Amino acid sequence: MTKPRDSARSISLVEEEFFQNGNRPDPTEPIETFSDLDEGYQRQSLWQRLLGKKQR
């Protein structure tokens, strides 16, 4: 069995900074919300689902 390399056991400071920055949201990008996805949606009734009627 081979031993892992020393570089595989530790993270450099550059790599650590890269991963830390990935956890912070970018303040210049707008935050996406999904509040508009349900606008106008009407759930199918049981009978519409059983009879196979398509939603309009």
PDB file of N, CA and C in Angstrom:
ATOM      1  N   MET A   1       0.845  -1.170   0.000  1.00  0.00           N
ATOM      2  CA  MET A   1       0.000   0.000   0.000  1.00  0.00           C
ATOM      3  C   MET A   1       0.893   1.237   0.000  1.00  0.00           C
ATOM      4  N   THR A   2       0.519   2.220  -0.772  1.00  0.00           N
ATOM      5  CA  THR A   2       1.338   3.427  -0.853  1.00  0.00           C
ATOM      6  C   THR A   2       0.844   4.465   0.133  1.00  0.00           C
ATOM      7  N   LYS A   3       1.748   5.283   0.582  1.00  0.00           N
ATOM      8  CA  LYS A   3       1.408   6.357   1.510  1.00  0.00           C
ATOM      9  C   LYS A   3       0.876   7.562   0.737  1.00  0.00           C
ATOM     10  N   PRO A   4      -0.068   8.307   1.321  1.00  0.00           N
ATOM     11  CA  PRO A   4      -0.522   9.529   0.649  1.00  0.00           C
ATOM     12  C   PRO A   4       0.580  10.578   0.649  1.00  0.00           C
ATOM     13  N   ARG A   5       0.598  11.379  -0.380  1.00  0.00           N
ATOM     14  CA  ARG A   5       1.603  12.430  -0.443  1.00  0.00           C
ATOM     15  C   ARG A   5       1.328  13.477   0.627  1.00  0.00           C
ATOM     16  N   ASP A   6       2.352  14.196   1.005  1.00  0.00           N
ATOM     17  CA  ASP A   6       2.186  15.246   2.008  1.00  0.00           C
ATOM     18  C   ASP A   6       1.239  16.347   1.524  1.00  0.00           C
ATOM     19  N   SER A   7       1.277  16.642   0.230  1.00  0.00           N
ATOM     20  CA  SER A   7       0.406  17.695  -0.296  1.00  0.00           C
ATOM     21  C   SER A   7      -1.063  17.289  -0.245  1.00  0.00           C
ATOM     22  N   ALA A   8      -1.348  16.002  -0.190  1.00  0.00           N
ATOM     23  CA  ALA A   8      -2.731  15.539  -0.114  1.00  0.00           C
ATOM     24  C   ALA A   8      -3.277  15.629   1.308  1.00  0.00           C
ATOM     25  N   ARG A   9      -2.421  15.781   2.273  1.00  0.00           N
ATOM     26  CA  ARG A   9      -2.850  15.819   3.668  1.00  0.00           C
ATOM     27  C   ARG A   9      -3.134  17.229   4.175  1.00  0.00           C
ATOM     28  N   SER A  10      -2.601  18.234   3.512  1.00  0.00           N
ATOM     29  CA  SER A  10      -2.782  19.594   4.005  1.00  0.00           C
ATOM     30  C   SER A  10      -3.283  20.493   2.883  1.00  0.00           C
ATOM     31  N   ILE A  11      -3.909  21.574   3.287  1.00  0.00           N
ATOM     32  CA  ILE A  11      -4.441  22.558   2.353  1.00  0.00           C
ATOM     33  C   ILE A  11      -3.595  23.815   2.470  1.00  0.00           C
ATOM     34  N   SER A  12      -3.195  24.345   1.321  1.00  0.00           N
ATOM     35  CA  SER A  12      -2.374  25.550   1.357  1.00  0.00           C
ATOM     36  C   SER A  12      -3.245  26.750   1.730  1.00  0.00           C
ATOM     37  N   LEU A  13      -2.616  27.846   2.061  1.00  0.00           N
ATOM     38  CA  LEU A  13      -3.351  29.058   2.424  1.00  0.00           C
ATOM     39  C   LEU A  13      -4.155  29.589   1.245  1.00  0.00           C
ATOM     40  N   VAL A  14      -3.638  29.446   0.039  1.00  0.00           N
ATOM     41  CA  VAL A  14      -4.359  29.893  -1.152  1.00  0.00           C
ATOM     42  C   VAL A  14      -5.630  29.063  -1.343  1.00  0.00           C
ATOM     43  N   GLU A  15      -5.517  27.756  -1.163  1.00  0.00           N
ATOM     44  CA  GLU A  15      -6.682  26.886  -1.286  1.00  0.00           C
ATOM     45  C   GLU A  15      -7.697  27.170  -0.186  1.00  0.00           C
ATOM     46  N   GLU A  16      -7.219  27.397   1.007  1.00  0.00           N
ATOM     47  CA  GLU A  16      -8.112  27.714   2.130  1.00  0.00           C
ATOM     48  C   GLU A  16      -8.892  28.989   1.845  1.00  0.00           C
ATOM     49  N   GLU A  17      -8.232  30.009   1.329  1.00  0.00           N
ATOM     50  CA  GLU A  17      -8.899  31.270   1.003  1.00  0.00           C
ATOM     51  C   GLU A  17      -9.933  31.061  -0.105  1.00  0.00           C
ATOM     52  N   PHE A  18      -9.593  30.250  -1.095  1.00  0.00           N
ATOM     53  CA  PHE A  18     -10.519  29.953  -2.188  1.00  0.00           C
ATOM     54  C   PHE A  18     -11.808  29.323  -1.657  1.00  0.00           C
ATOM     55  N   PHE A  19     -11.683  28.330  -0.798  1.00  0.00           N
ATOM     56  CA  PHE A  19     -12.864  27.656  -0.272  1.00  0.00           C
ATOM     57  C   PHE A  19     -13.655  28.547   0.683  1.00  0.00           C
ATOM     58  N   GLN A  20     -13.002  29.390   1.438  1.00  0.00           N
ATOM     59  CA  GLN A  20     -13.703  30.308   2.323  1.00  0.00           C
ATOM     60  C   GLN A  20     -14.500  31.332   1.517  1.00  0.00           C
ATOM     61  N   ASN A  21     -13.939  31.817   0.426  1.00  0.00           N
ATOM     62  CA  ASN A  21     -14.644  32.787  -0.406  1.00  0.00           C
ATOM     63  C   ASN A  21     -15.837  32.158  -1.105  1.00  0.00           C
ATOM     64  N   GLY A  22     -15.814  30.882  -1.335  1.00  0.00           N
ATOM     65  CA  GLY A  22     -16.938  30.204  -1.971  1.00  0.00           C
ATOM     66  C   GLY A  22     -18.159  30.140  -1.090  1.00  0.00           C
ATOM     67  N   ASN A  23     -18.014  30.295   0.204  1.00  0.00           N
ATOM     68  CA  ASN A  23     -19.149  30.248   1.123  1.00  0.00           C
ATOM     69  C   ASN A  23     -19.858  31.581   1.267  1.00  0.00           C
ATOM     70  N   ARG A  24     -19.247  32.650   0.817  1.00  0.00           N
ATOM     71  CA  ARG A  24     -19.850  33.972   0.942  1.00  0.00           C
ATOM     72  C   ARG A  24     -20.574  34.337  -0.349  1.00  0.00           C
ATOM     73  N   PRO A  25     -21.798  34.842  -0.240  1.00  0.00           N
ATOM     74  CA  PRO A  25     -22.491  35.263  -1.466  1.00  0.00           C
ATOM     75  C   PRO A  25     -21.852  36.515  -2.046  1.00  0.00           C
ATOM     76  N   ASP A  26     -21.899  36.636  -3.351  1.00  0.00           N
ATOM     77  CA  ASP A  26     -21.351  37.797  -4.037  1.00  0.00           C
ATOM     78  C   ASP A  26     -22.331  38.962  -3.858  1.00  0.00           C
ATOM     79  N   PRO A  27     -21.916  40.058  -3.229  1.00  0.00           N
ATOM     80  CA  PRO A  27     -22.848  41.162  -2.974  1.00  0.00           C
ATOM     81  C   PRO A  27     -23.284  41.883  -4.251  1.00  0.00           C
ATOM     82  N   THR A  28     -22.569  41.705  -5.363  1.00  0.00           N
ATOM     83  CA  THR A  28     -22.954  42.388  -6.592  1.00  0.00           C
ATOM     84  C   THR A  28     -24.047  41.648  -7.350  1.00  0.00           C
ATOM     85  N   GLU A  29     -24.216  40.360  -7.105  1.00  0.00           N
ATOM     86  CA  GLU A  29     -25.253  39.595  -7.782  1.00  0.00           C
ATOM     87  C   GLU A  29     -26.574  39.725  -7.029  1.00  0.00           C
ATOM     88  N   PRO A  30     -27.670  39.919  -7.760  1.00  0.00           N
ATOM     89  CA  PRO A  30     -28.968  39.988  -7.069  1.00  0.00           C
ATOM     90  C   PRO A  30     -29.345  38.608  -6.525  1.00  0.00           C
ATOM     91  N   ILE A  31     -29.974  38.595  -5.388  1.00  0.00           N
ATOM     92  CA  ILE A  31     -30.398  37.336  -4.779  1.00  0.00           C
ATOM     93  C   ILE A  31     -31.655  36.871  -5.495  1.00  0.00           C
ATOM     94  N   GLU A  32     -31.612  35.646  -5.996  1.00  0.00           N
ATOM     95  CA  GLU A  32     -32.733  35.119  -6.761  1.00  0.00           C
ATOM     96  C   GLU A  32     -33.778  34.548  -5.820  1.00  0.00           C
ATOM     97  N   THR A  33     -35.010  34.960  -6.022  1.00  0.00           N
ATOM     98  CA  THR A  33     -36.110  34.406  -5.248  1.00  0.00           C
ATOM     99  C   THR A  33     -37.025  33.650  -6.189  1.00  0.00           C
ATOM    100  N   PHE A  34     -37.800  32.779  -5.648  1.00  0.00           N
ATOM    101  CA  PHE A  34     -38.703  31.971  -6.454  1.00  0.00           C
ATOM    102  C   PHE A  34     -40.155  32.300  -6.126  1.00  0.00           C
ATOM    103  N   SER A  35     -40.399  33.517  -5.663  1.00  0.00           N
ATOM    104  CA  SER A  35     -41.740  33.898  -5.249  1.00  0.00           C
ATOM    105  C   SER A  35     -42.705  33.998  -6.428  1.00  0.00           C
ATOM    106  N   ASP A  36     -42.212  34.208  -7.640  1.00  0.00           N
ATOM    107  CA  ASP A  36     -43.085  34.361  -8.794  1.00  0.00           C
ATOM    108  C   ASP A  36     -43.457  33.036  -9.461  1.00  0.00           C
ATOM    109  N   LEU A  37     -42.957  31.931  -8.989  1.00  0.00           N
ATOM    110  CA  LEU A  37     -43.217  30.653  -9.648  1.00  0.00           C
ATOM    111  C   LEU A  37     -44.660  30.183  -9.493  1.00  0.00           C
ATOM    112  N   ASP A  38     -45.309  30.516  -8.407  1.00  0.00           N
ATOM    113  CA  ASP A  38     -46.666  30.031  -8.160  1.00  0.00           C
ATOM    114  C   ASP A  38     -47.748  31.010  -8.596  1.00  0.00           C
ATOM    115  N   GLU A  39     -47.385  32.128  -9.212  1.00  0.00           N
ATOM    116  CA  GLU A  39     -48.393  33.105  -9.633  1.00  0.00           C
ATOM    117  C   GLU A  39     -49.305  32.487 -10.675  1.00  0.00           C
ATOM    118  N   GLY A  40     -50.612  32.535 -10.417  1.00  0.00           N
ATOM    119  CA  GLY A  40     -51.585  32.035 -11.382  1.00  0.00           C
ATOM    120  C   GLY A  40     -51.726  30.529 -11.430  1.00  0.00           C
ATOM    121  N   TYR A  41     -51.020  29.809 -10.589  1.00  0.00           N
ATOM    122  CA  TYR A  41     -51.098  28.352 -10.603  1.00  0.00           C
ATOM    123  C   TYR A  41     -52.378  27.905  -9.920  1.00  0.00           C
ATOM    124  N   GLN A  42     -53.106  27.022 -10.595  1.00  0.00           N
ATOM    125  CA  GLN A  42     -54.291  26.423  -9.994  1.00  0.00           C
ATOM    126  C   GLN A  42     -54.093  24.919  -9.984  1.00  0.00           C
ATOM    127  N   ARG A  43     -54.156  24.370  -8.817  1.00  0.00           N
ATOM    128  CA  ARG A  43     -53.933  22.940  -8.657  1.00  0.00           C
ATOM    129  C   ARG A  43     -55.072  22.160  -9.303  1.00  0.00           C
ATOM    130  N   GLN A  44     -54.751  21.029  -9.924  1.00  0.00           N
ATOM    131  CA  GLN A  44     -55.764  20.178 -10.531  1.00  0.00           C
ATOM    132  C   GLN A  44     -56.592  19.501  -9.455  1.00  0.00           C
ATOM    133  N   SER A  45     -57.863  19.346  -9.748  1.00  0.00           N
ATOM    134  CA  SER A  45     -58.723  18.635  -8.808  1.00  0.00           C
ATOM    135  C   SER A  45     -58.482  17.134  -8.958  1.00  0.00           C
ATOM    136  N   LEU A  46     -59.015  16.393  -8.039  1.00  0.00           N
ATOM    137  CA  LEU A  46     -58.893  14.939  -8.091  1.00  0.00           C
ATOM    138  C   LEU A  46     -59.477  14.409  -9.396  1.00  0.00           C
ATOM    139  N   TRP A  47     -60.648  14.913  -9.794  1.00  0.00           N
ATOM    140  CA  TRP A  47     -61.300  14.429 -11.003  1.00  0.00           C
ATOM    141  C   TRP A  47     -60.510  14.782 -12.249  1.00  0.00           C
ATOM    142  N   GLN A  48     -59.898  15.935 -12.273  1.00  0.00           N
ATOM    143  CA  GLN A  48     -59.077  16.308 -13.428  1.00  0.00           C
ATOM    144  C   GLN A  48     -57.879  15.374 -13.559  1.00  0.00           C
ATOM    145  N   ARG A  49     -57.285  15.009 -12.433  1.00  0.00           N
ATOM    146  CA  ARG A  49     -56.157  14.085 -12.473  1.00  0.00           C
ATOM    147  C   ARG A  49     -56.597  12.684 -12.882  1.00  0.00           C
ATOM    148  N   LEU A  50     -57.746  12.229 -12.355  1.00  0.00           N
ATOM    149  CA  LEU A  50     -58.221  10.886 -12.672  1.00  0.00           C
ATOM    150  C   LEU A  50     -58.642  10.764 -14.130  1.00  0.00           C
ATOM    151  N   LEU A  51     -59.251  11.820 -14.687  1.00  0.00           N
ATOM    152  CA  LEU A  51     -59.731  11.775 -16.057  1.00  0.00           C
ATOM    153  C   LEU A  51     -58.661  12.188 -17.055  1.00  0.00           C
ATOM    154  N   GLY A  52     -57.515  12.632 -16.568  1.00  0.00           N
ATOM    155  CA  GLY A  52     -56.398  12.975 -17.434  1.00  0.00           C
ATOM    156  C   GLY A  52     -56.538  14.302 -18.149  1.00  0.00           C
ATOM    157  N   LYS A  53     -57.292  15.222 -17.580  1.00  0.00           N
ATOM    158  CA  LYS A  53     -57.464  16.539 -18.195  1.00  0.00           C
ATOM    159  C   LYS A  53     -56.182  17.341 -18.030  1.00  0.00           C
ATOM    160  N   LYS A  54     -55.784  17.998 -19.073  1.00  0.00           N
ATOM    161  CA  LYS A  54     -54.589  18.836 -19.047  1.00  0.00           C
ATOM    162  C   LYS A  54     -54.902  20.171 -18.393  1.00  0.00           C
ATOM    163  N   GLN A  55     -53.886  20.735 -17.743  1.00  0.00           N
ATOM    164  CA  GLN A  55     -54.050  22.076 -17.183  1.00  0.00           C
ATOM    165  C   GLN A  55     -53.962  23.088 -18.293  1.00  0.00           C
ATOM    166  N   ARG A  56     -54.693  24.187 -18.127  1.00  0.00           N
ATOM    167  CA  ARG A  56     -54.656  25.255 -19.128  1.00  0.00           C
ATOM    168  C   ARG A  56     -53.558  26.219 -18.855  1.00  0.00           C
TER     169      ARG A  56
END
